Amino acid sequence: MKAIKKIAKICYFILAVVIGILLLGTEASAANNSDDWRPTFDLVMRWLNFGIIVFILVKYARTPIKDFLLSRREEVAREIELVEGKKEAANKKIEDAVRMLDESEVRFARVKERIIQEGKTKKQKLIEDAKQESKILLESTMKKIDNQLLDAQKAFKSELVDAAISLAMKRLPDEITTEDNQNFTNQFLASASGKKN
């Protein structure tokens, strides 16, 4: 199979050289008519040199060039796979970050709701405690006021009685006669003896 391919390549090369010579033959025949044959010779030599270079490249450099291109292709494929792997890893990280962000937003909403609920509960408890404390303070203050009022009434009555007695002690001696005094004594004795019976 390889031998057939080599023969086919050599045939193609010979065919290309013949076609080149035929194409140049028109210029060569025209050159015979002219005195200057040098440009035609230079053109033929250029084509011949080109053919030799092509033959050498095909014969000897084809395998190294092919190996180089294959190795370069494999290297580029590995780099592409590496970049795709990095891209997939980056996409996975992005998806994880988005998922974590969504979860953190949900968690944040739950925490916020719980904090608000706890705040409302504490607020209600503080209000109830304040009402209870104010009620106790109000009752305590009312008792103190009642006690102070009773003390003031007692003190007032005591002072009033003392003032009345003092006033009576000052005025009675001047206004009570011995006869009045005798009547008071008799009434007292009568009421005292009536209580005994």
C-alpha atoms as a PDB file:
ATOM      1  CA  MET A   1       0.000   0.000   0.000  1.00  0.00           C
ATOM      2  CA  LYS A   2       2.839   2.351   0.874  1.00  0.00           C
ATOM      3  CA  ALA A   3       4.734   1.435  -2.296  1.00  0.00           C
ATOM      4  CA  ILE A   4       1.681   2.313  -4.415  1.00  0.00           C
ATOM      5  CA  LYS A   5       1.411   5.674  -2.677  1.00  0.00           C
ATOM      6  CA  LYS A   6       5.116   6.395  -3.286  1.00  0.00           C
ATOM      7  CA  ILE A   7       4.807   5.479  -6.973  1.00  0.00           C
ATOM      8  CA  ALA A   8       1.719   7.673  -7.269  1.00  0.00           C
ATOM      9  CA  LYS A   9       3.583  10.583  -5.718  1.00  0.00           C
ATOM     10  CA  ILE A  10       6.564  10.167  -8.036  1.00  0.00           C
ATOM     11  CA  CYS A  11       4.186  10.059 -11.017  1.00  0.00           C
ATOM     12  CA  TYR A  12       2.494  13.224  -9.859  1.00  0.00           C
ATOM     13  CA  PHE A  13       5.884  14.888  -9.507  1.00  0.00           C
ATOM     14  CA  ILE A  14       7.003  13.856 -13.001  1.00  0.00           C
ATOM     15  CA  LEU A  15       3.652  14.982 -14.390  1.00  0.00           C
ATOM     16  CA  ALA A  16       4.053  18.347 -12.701  1.00  0.00           C
ATOM     17  CA  VAL A  17       7.574  18.779 -14.155  1.00  0.00           C
ATOM     18  CA  VAL A  18       6.378  17.835 -17.653  1.00  0.00           C
ATOM     19  CA  ILE A  19       3.443  20.262 -17.431  1.00  0.00           C
ATOM     20  CA  GLY A  20       5.837  22.936 -16.235  1.00  0.00           C
ATOM     21  CA  ILE A  21       8.211  22.312 -19.142  1.00  0.00           C
ATOM     22  CA  LEU A  22       5.324  22.350 -21.617  1.00  0.00           C
ATOM     23  CA  LEU A  23       4.068  25.594 -20.229  1.00  0.00           C
ATOM     24  CA  LEU A  24       7.535  27.024 -20.388  1.00  0.00           C
ATOM     25  CA  GLY A  25       8.114  25.520 -23.798  1.00  0.00           C
ATOM     26  CA  THR A  26       6.110  28.290 -25.409  1.00  0.00           C
ATOM     27  CA  GLU A  27       8.448  30.807 -23.863  1.00  0.00           C
ATOM     28  CA  ALA A  28      11.481  28.667 -24.816  1.00  0.00           C
ATOM     29  CA  SER A  29      10.426  28.483 -28.474  1.00  0.00           C
ATOM     30  CA  ALA A  30       9.894  32.173 -28.454  1.00  0.00           C
ATOM     31  CA  ALA A  31      13.348  32.521 -26.989  1.00  0.00           C
ATOM     32  CA  ASN A  32      14.870  30.578 -29.890  1.00  0.00           C
ATOM     33  CA  ASN A  33      13.678  33.279 -32.189  1.00  0.00           C
ATOM     34  CA  SER A  34      15.319  35.901 -30.110  1.00  0.00           C
ATOM     35  CA  ASP A  35      18.971  36.373 -29.505  1.00  0.00           C
ATOM     36  CA  ASP A  36      18.644  36.365 -25.738  1.00  0.00           C
ATOM     37  CA  TRP A  37      18.014  32.861 -24.341  1.00  0.00           C
ATOM     38  CA  ARG A  38      19.141  33.656 -20.829  1.00  0.00           C
ATOM     39  CA  PRO A  39      15.715  34.626 -19.306  1.00  0.00           C
ATOM     40  CA  THR A  40      14.239  31.366 -20.490  1.00  0.00           C
ATOM     41  CA  PHE A  41      17.097  29.375 -19.036  1.00  0.00           C
ATOM     42  CA  ASP A  42      16.698  31.200 -15.680  1.00  0.00           C
ATOM     43  CA  LEU A  43      12.982  30.434 -15.631  1.00  0.00           C
ATOM     44  CA  VAL A  44      13.530  26.751 -16.352  1.00  0.00           C
ATOM     45  CA  MET A  45      16.190  26.536 -13.660  1.00  0.00           C
ATOM     46  CA  ARG A  46      13.849  28.175 -11.164  1.00  0.00           C
ATOM     47  CA  TRP A  47      11.191  25.592 -11.908  1.00  0.00           C
ATOM     48  CA  LEU A  48      13.737  22.817 -11.727  1.00  0.00           C
ATOM     49  CA  ASN A  49      15.002  24.090  -8.365  1.00  0.00           C
ATOM     50  CA  PHE A  50      11.411  24.345  -7.164  1.00  0.00           C
ATOM     51  CA  GLY A  51      10.797  20.754  -8.212  1.00  0.00           C
ATOM     52  CA  ILE A  52      13.941  19.568  -6.431  1.00  0.00           C
ATOM     53  CA  ILE A  53      12.924  21.382  -3.229  1.00  0.00           C
ATOM     54  CA  VAL A  54       9.424  19.901  -3.421  1.00  0.00           C
ATOM     55  CA  PHE A  55      10.878  16.440  -3.982  1.00  0.00           C
ATOM     56  CA  ILE A  56      13.294  16.769  -1.042  1.00  0.00           C
ATOM     57  CA  LEU A  57      10.528  18.102   1.202  1.00  0.00           C
ATOM     58  CA  VAL A  58       8.177  15.304   0.215  1.00  0.00           C
ATOM     59  CA  LYS A  59      10.854  12.597   0.447  1.00  0.00           C
ATOM     60  CA  TYR A  60      12.710  13.585   3.609  1.00  0.00           C
ATOM     61  CA  ALA A  61      10.832  16.318   5.507  1.00  0.00           C
ATOM     62  CA  ARG A  62       7.326  14.955   5.175  1.00  0.00           C
ATOM     63  CA  THR A  63       7.532  12.613   8.165  1.00  0.00           C
ATOM     64  CA  PRO A  64       9.138  15.151  10.564  1.00  0.00           C
ATOM     65  CA  ILE A  65       6.709  17.858   9.474  1.00  0.00           C
ATOM     66  CA  LYS A  66       3.814  15.435   9.825  1.00  0.00           C
ATOM     67  CA  ASP A  67       5.092  14.349  13.271  1.00  0.00           C
ATOM     68  CA  PHE A  68       5.555  17.984  14.281  1.00  0.00           C
ATOM     69  CA  LEU A  69       2.047  18.882  13.158  1.00  0.00           C
ATOM     70  CA  LEU A  70       0.584  15.820  14.920  1.00  0.00           C
ATOM     71  CA  SER A  71       2.465  16.597  18.133  1.00  0.00           C
ATOM     72  CA  ARG A  72       1.396  20.227  17.866  1.00  0.00           C
ATOM     73  CA  ARG A  73      -2.179  19.087  17.294  1.00  0.00           C
ATOM     74  CA  GLU A  74      -2.032  16.828  20.367  1.00  0.00           C
ATOM     75  CA  GLU A  75      -0.476  19.622  22.417  1.00  0.00           C
ATOM     76  CA  VAL A  76      -3.199  22.049  21.348  1.00  0.00           C
ATOM     77  CA  ALA A  77      -5.827  19.367  22.108  1.00  0.00           C
ATOM     78  CA  ARG A  78      -4.337  18.890  25.600  1.00  0.00           C
ATOM     79  CA  GLU A  79      -4.313  22.648  26.157  1.00  0.00           C
ATOM     80  CA  ILE A  80      -7.928  22.850  25.000  1.00  0.00           C
ATOM     81  CA  GLU A  81      -8.886  20.010  27.368  1.00  0.00           C
ATOM     82  CA  LEU A  82      -7.002  21.736  30.195  1.00  0.00           C
ATOM     83  CA  VAL A  83      -8.722  25.049  29.477  1.00  0.00           C
ATOM     84  CA  GLU A  84     -12.101  23.296  29.234  1.00  0.00           C
ATOM     85  CA  GLY A  85     -11.401  21.558  32.558  1.00  0.00           C
ATOM     86  CA  LYS A  86     -10.543  24.918  34.119  1.00  0.00           C
ATOM     87  CA  LYS A  87     -13.654  26.406  32.542  1.00  0.00           C
ATOM     88  CA  GLU A  88     -15.823  23.610  33.973  1.00  0.00           C
ATOM     89  CA  ALA A  89     -14.187  24.046  37.387  1.00  0.00           C
ATOM     90  CA  ALA A  90     -14.791  27.808  37.206  1.00  0.00           C
ATOM     91  CA  ASN A  91     -18.415  27.222  36.144  1.00  0.00           C
ATOM     92  CA  LYS A  92     -18.840  24.782  39.042  1.00  0.00           C
ATOM     93  CA  LYS A  93     -17.373  27.351  41.447  1.00  0.00           C
ATOM     94  CA  ILE A  94     -19.700  29.994  40.038  1.00  0.00           C
ATOM     95  CA  GLU A  95     -22.693  27.657  40.421  1.00  0.00           C
ATOM     96  CA  ASP A  96     -21.607  26.845  43.989  1.00  0.00           C
ATOM     97  CA  ALA A  97     -21.199  30.547  44.740  1.00  0.00           C
ATOM     98  CA  VAL A  98     -24.634  31.333  43.287  1.00  0.00           C
ATOM     99  CA  ARG A  99     -26.183  28.442  45.241  1.00  0.00           C
ATOM    100  CA  MET A 100     -24.450  29.564  48.446  1.00  0.00           C
ATOM    101  CA  LEU A 101     -25.609  33.129  47.800  1.00  0.00           C
ATOM    102  CA  ASP A 102     -29.186  31.931  47.338  1.00  0.00           C
ATOM    103  CA  GLU A 103     -28.931  29.792  50.480  1.00  0.00           C
ATOM    104  CA  SER A 104     -27.411  32.677  52.425  1.00  0.00           C
ATOM    105  CA  GLU A 105     -30.204  34.987  51.266  1.00  0.00           C
ATOM    106  CA  VAL A 106     -32.790  32.443  52.427  1.00  0.00           C
ATOM    107  CA  ARG A 107     -30.875  31.948  55.689  1.00  0.00           C
ATOM    108  CA  PHE A 108     -30.584  35.725  56.100  1.00  0.00           C
ATOM    109  CA  ALA A 109     -34.337  36.113  55.567  1.00  0.00           C
ATOM    110  CA  ARG A 110     -35.009  33.399  58.174  1.00  0.00           C
ATOM    111  CA  VAL A 111     -32.583  34.952  60.651  1.00  0.00           C
ATOM    112  CA  LYS A 112     -34.073  38.392  60.026  1.00  0.00           C
ATOM    113  CA  GLU A 113     -37.607  37.049  60.582  1.00  0.00           C
ATOM    114  CA  ARG A 114     -36.499  35.244  63.759  1.00  0.00           C
ATOM    115  CA  ILE A 115     -34.769  38.383  65.086  1.00  0.00           C
ATOM    116  CA  ILE A 116     -37.859  40.477  64.340  1.00  0.00           C
ATOM    117  CA  GLN A 117     -40.066  37.895  66.073  1.00  0.00           C
ATOM    118  CA  GLU A 118     -37.738  37.760  69.087  1.00  0.00           C
ATOM    119  CA  GLY A 119     -37.711  41.567  69.150  1.00  0.00           C
ATOM    120  CA  LYS A 120     -41.510  41.665  69.137  1.00  0.00           C
ATOM    121  CA  THR A 121     -41.628  39.050  71.901  1.00  0.00           C
ATOM    122  CA  LYS A 122     -39.092  40.964  74.010  1.00  0.00           C
ATOM    123  CA  LYS A 123     -40.925  44.219  73.346  1.00  0.00           C
ATOM    124  CA  GLN A 124     -44.216  42.663  74.477  1.00  0.00           C
ATOM    125  CA  LYS A 125     -42.530  41.194  77.574  1.00  0.00           C
ATOM    126  CA  LEU A 126     -40.944  44.555  78.410  1.00  0.00           C
ATOM    127  CA  ILE A 127     -44.315  46.269  78.009  1.00  0.00           C
ATOM    128  CA  GLU A 128     -45.997  43.682  80.246  1.00  0.00           C
ATOM    129  CA  ASP A 129     -43.175  43.937  82.805  1.00  0.00           C
ATOM    130  CA  ALA A 130     -43.405  47.733  82.737  1.00  0.00           C
ATOM    131  CA  LYS A 131     -47.192  47.581  83.197  1.00  0.00           C
ATOM    132  CA  GLN A 132     -46.803  45.142  86.091  1.00  0.00           C
ATOM    133  CA  GLU A 133     -44.087  47.268  87.674  1.00  0.00           C
ATOM    134  CA  SER A 134     -46.075  50.456  87.229  1.00  0.00           C
ATOM    135  CA  LYS A 135     -49.109  48.730  88.744  1.00  0.00           C
ATOM    136  CA  ILE A 136     -47.035  47.617  91.743  1.00  0.00           C
ATOM    137  CA  LEU A 137     -45.502  51.091  92.060  1.00  0.00           C
ATOM    138  CA  LEU A 138     -48.950  52.678  91.799  1.00  0.00           C
ATOM    139  CA  GLU A 139     -50.386  50.375  94.456  1.00  0.00           C
ATOM    140  CA  SER A 140     -47.376  50.978  96.697  1.00  0.00           C
ATOM    141  CA  THR A 141     -47.680  54.728  96.183  1.00  0.00           C
ATOM    142  CA  MET A 142     -51.422  54.598  96.889  1.00  0.00           C
ATOM    143  CA  LYS A 143     -50.762  52.684 100.129  1.00  0.00           C
ATOM    144  CA  LYS A 144     -48.117  55.211 101.119  1.00  0.00           C
ATOM    145  CA  ILE A 145     -50.510  58.047 100.336  1.00  0.00           C
ATOM    146  CA  ASP A 146     -53.283  56.336 102.333  1.00  0.00           C
ATOM    147  CA  ASN A 147     -50.897  55.774 105.237  1.00  0.00           C
ATOM    148  CA  GLN A 148     -49.688  59.348 105.068  1.00  0.00           C
ATOM    149  CA  LEU A 149     -53.283  60.523 104.893  1.00  0.00           C
ATOM    150  CA  LEU A 150     -54.205  58.416 107.930  1.00  0.00           C
ATOM    151  CA  ASP A 151     -51.141  59.682 109.768  1.00  0.00           C
ATOM    152  CA  ALA A 152     -52.025  63.233 108.776  1.00  0.00           C
ATOM    153  CA  GLN A 153     -55.640  62.713 109.902  1.00  0.00           C
ATOM    154  CA  LYS A 154     -54.472  61.259 113.210  1.00  0.00           C
ATOM    155  CA  ALA A 155     -51.983  64.063 113.665  1.00  0.00           C
ATOM    156  CA  PHE A 156     -54.629  66.602 112.713  1.00  0.00           C
ATOM    157  CA  LYS A 157     -57.191  65.071 115.100  1.00  0.00           C
ATOM    158  CA  SER A 158     -54.595  64.910 117.816  1.00  0.00           C
ATOM    159  CA  GLU A 159     -53.601  68.505 117.241  1.00  0.00           C
ATOM    160  CA  LEU A 160     -57.249  69.496 116.991  1.00  0.00           C
ATOM    161  CA  VAL A 161     -58.052  67.736 120.249  1.00  0.00           C
ATOM    162  CA  ASP A 162     -55.001  69.243 121.881  1.00  0.00           C
ATOM    163  CA  ALA A 163     -55.905  72.665 120.542  1.00  0.00           C
ATOM    164  CA  ALA A 164     -59.515  72.230 121.664  1.00  0.00           C
ATOM    165  CA  ILE A 165     -58.413  71.127 125.125  1.00  0.00           C
ATOM    166  CA  SER A 166     -55.932  73.941 125.317  1.00  0.00           C
ATOM    167  CA  LEU A 167     -58.562  76.413 124.216  1.00  0.00           C
ATOM    168  CA  ALA A 168     -61.077  74.901 126.588  1.00  0.00           C
ATOM    169  CA  MET A 169     -58.549  75.081 129.422  1.00  0.00           C
ATOM    170  CA  LYS A 170     -58.032  78.724 128.710  1.00  0.00           C
ATOM    171  CA  ARG A 171     -61.665  79.665 128.304  1.00  0.00           C
ATOM    172  CA  LEU A 172     -63.485  77.295 130.648  1.00  0.00           C
ATOM    173  CA  PRO A 173     -62.162  78.643 133.867  1.00  0.00           C
ATOM    174  CA  ASP A 174     -63.455  82.041 132.906  1.00  0.00           C
ATOM    175  CA  GLU A 175     -66.830  80.873 131.699  1.00  0.00           C
ATOM    176  CA  ILE A 176     -67.676  78.024 134.053  1.00  0.00           C
ATOM    177  CA  THR A 177     -69.054  79.032 137.315  1.00  0.00           C
ATOM    178  CA  THR A 178     -69.082  76.972 140.475  1.00  0.00           C
ATOM    179  CA  GLU A 179     -72.662  76.226 139.862  1.00  0.00           C
ATOM    180  CA  ASP A 180     -71.846  74.862 136.373  1.00  0.00           C
ATOM    181  CA  ASN A 181     -69.075  72.861 137.888  1.00  0.00           C
ATOM    182  CA  GLN A 182     -71.463  71.357 140.458  1.00  0.00           C
ATOM    183  CA  ASN A 183     -73.932  70.440 137.671  1.00  0.00           C
ATOM    184  CA  PHE A 184     -71.209  68.711 135.660  1.00  0.00           C
ATOM    185  CA  THR A 185     -70.136  66.761 138.669  1.00  0.00           C
ATOM    186  CA  ASN A 186     -73.695  65.670 139.454  1.00  0.00           C
ATOM    187  CA  GLN A 187     -74.261  64.627 135.837  1.00  0.00           C
ATOM    188  CA  PHE A 188     -71.087  62.690 135.817  1.00  0.00           C
ATOM    189  CA  LEU A 189     -71.946  60.915 139.024  1.00  0.00           C
ATOM    190  CA  ALA A 190     -75.456  60.203 137.804  1.00  0.00           C
ATOM    191  CA  SER A 191     -74.218  58.785 134.542  1.00  0.00           C
ATOM    192  CA  ALA A 192     -71.578  56.767 136.370  1.00  0.00           C
ATOM    193  CA  SER A 193     -74.110  55.359 138.819  1.00  0.00           C
ATOM    194  CA  GLY A 194     -76.533  54.631 135.927  1.00  0.00           C
ATOM    195  CA  LYS A 195     -73.879  52.575 134.211  1.00  0.00           C
ATOM    196  CA  LYS A 196     -73.290  50.516 137.319  1.00  0.00           C
ATOM    197  CA  ASN A 197     -76.960  49.567 137.484  1.00  0.00           C
END
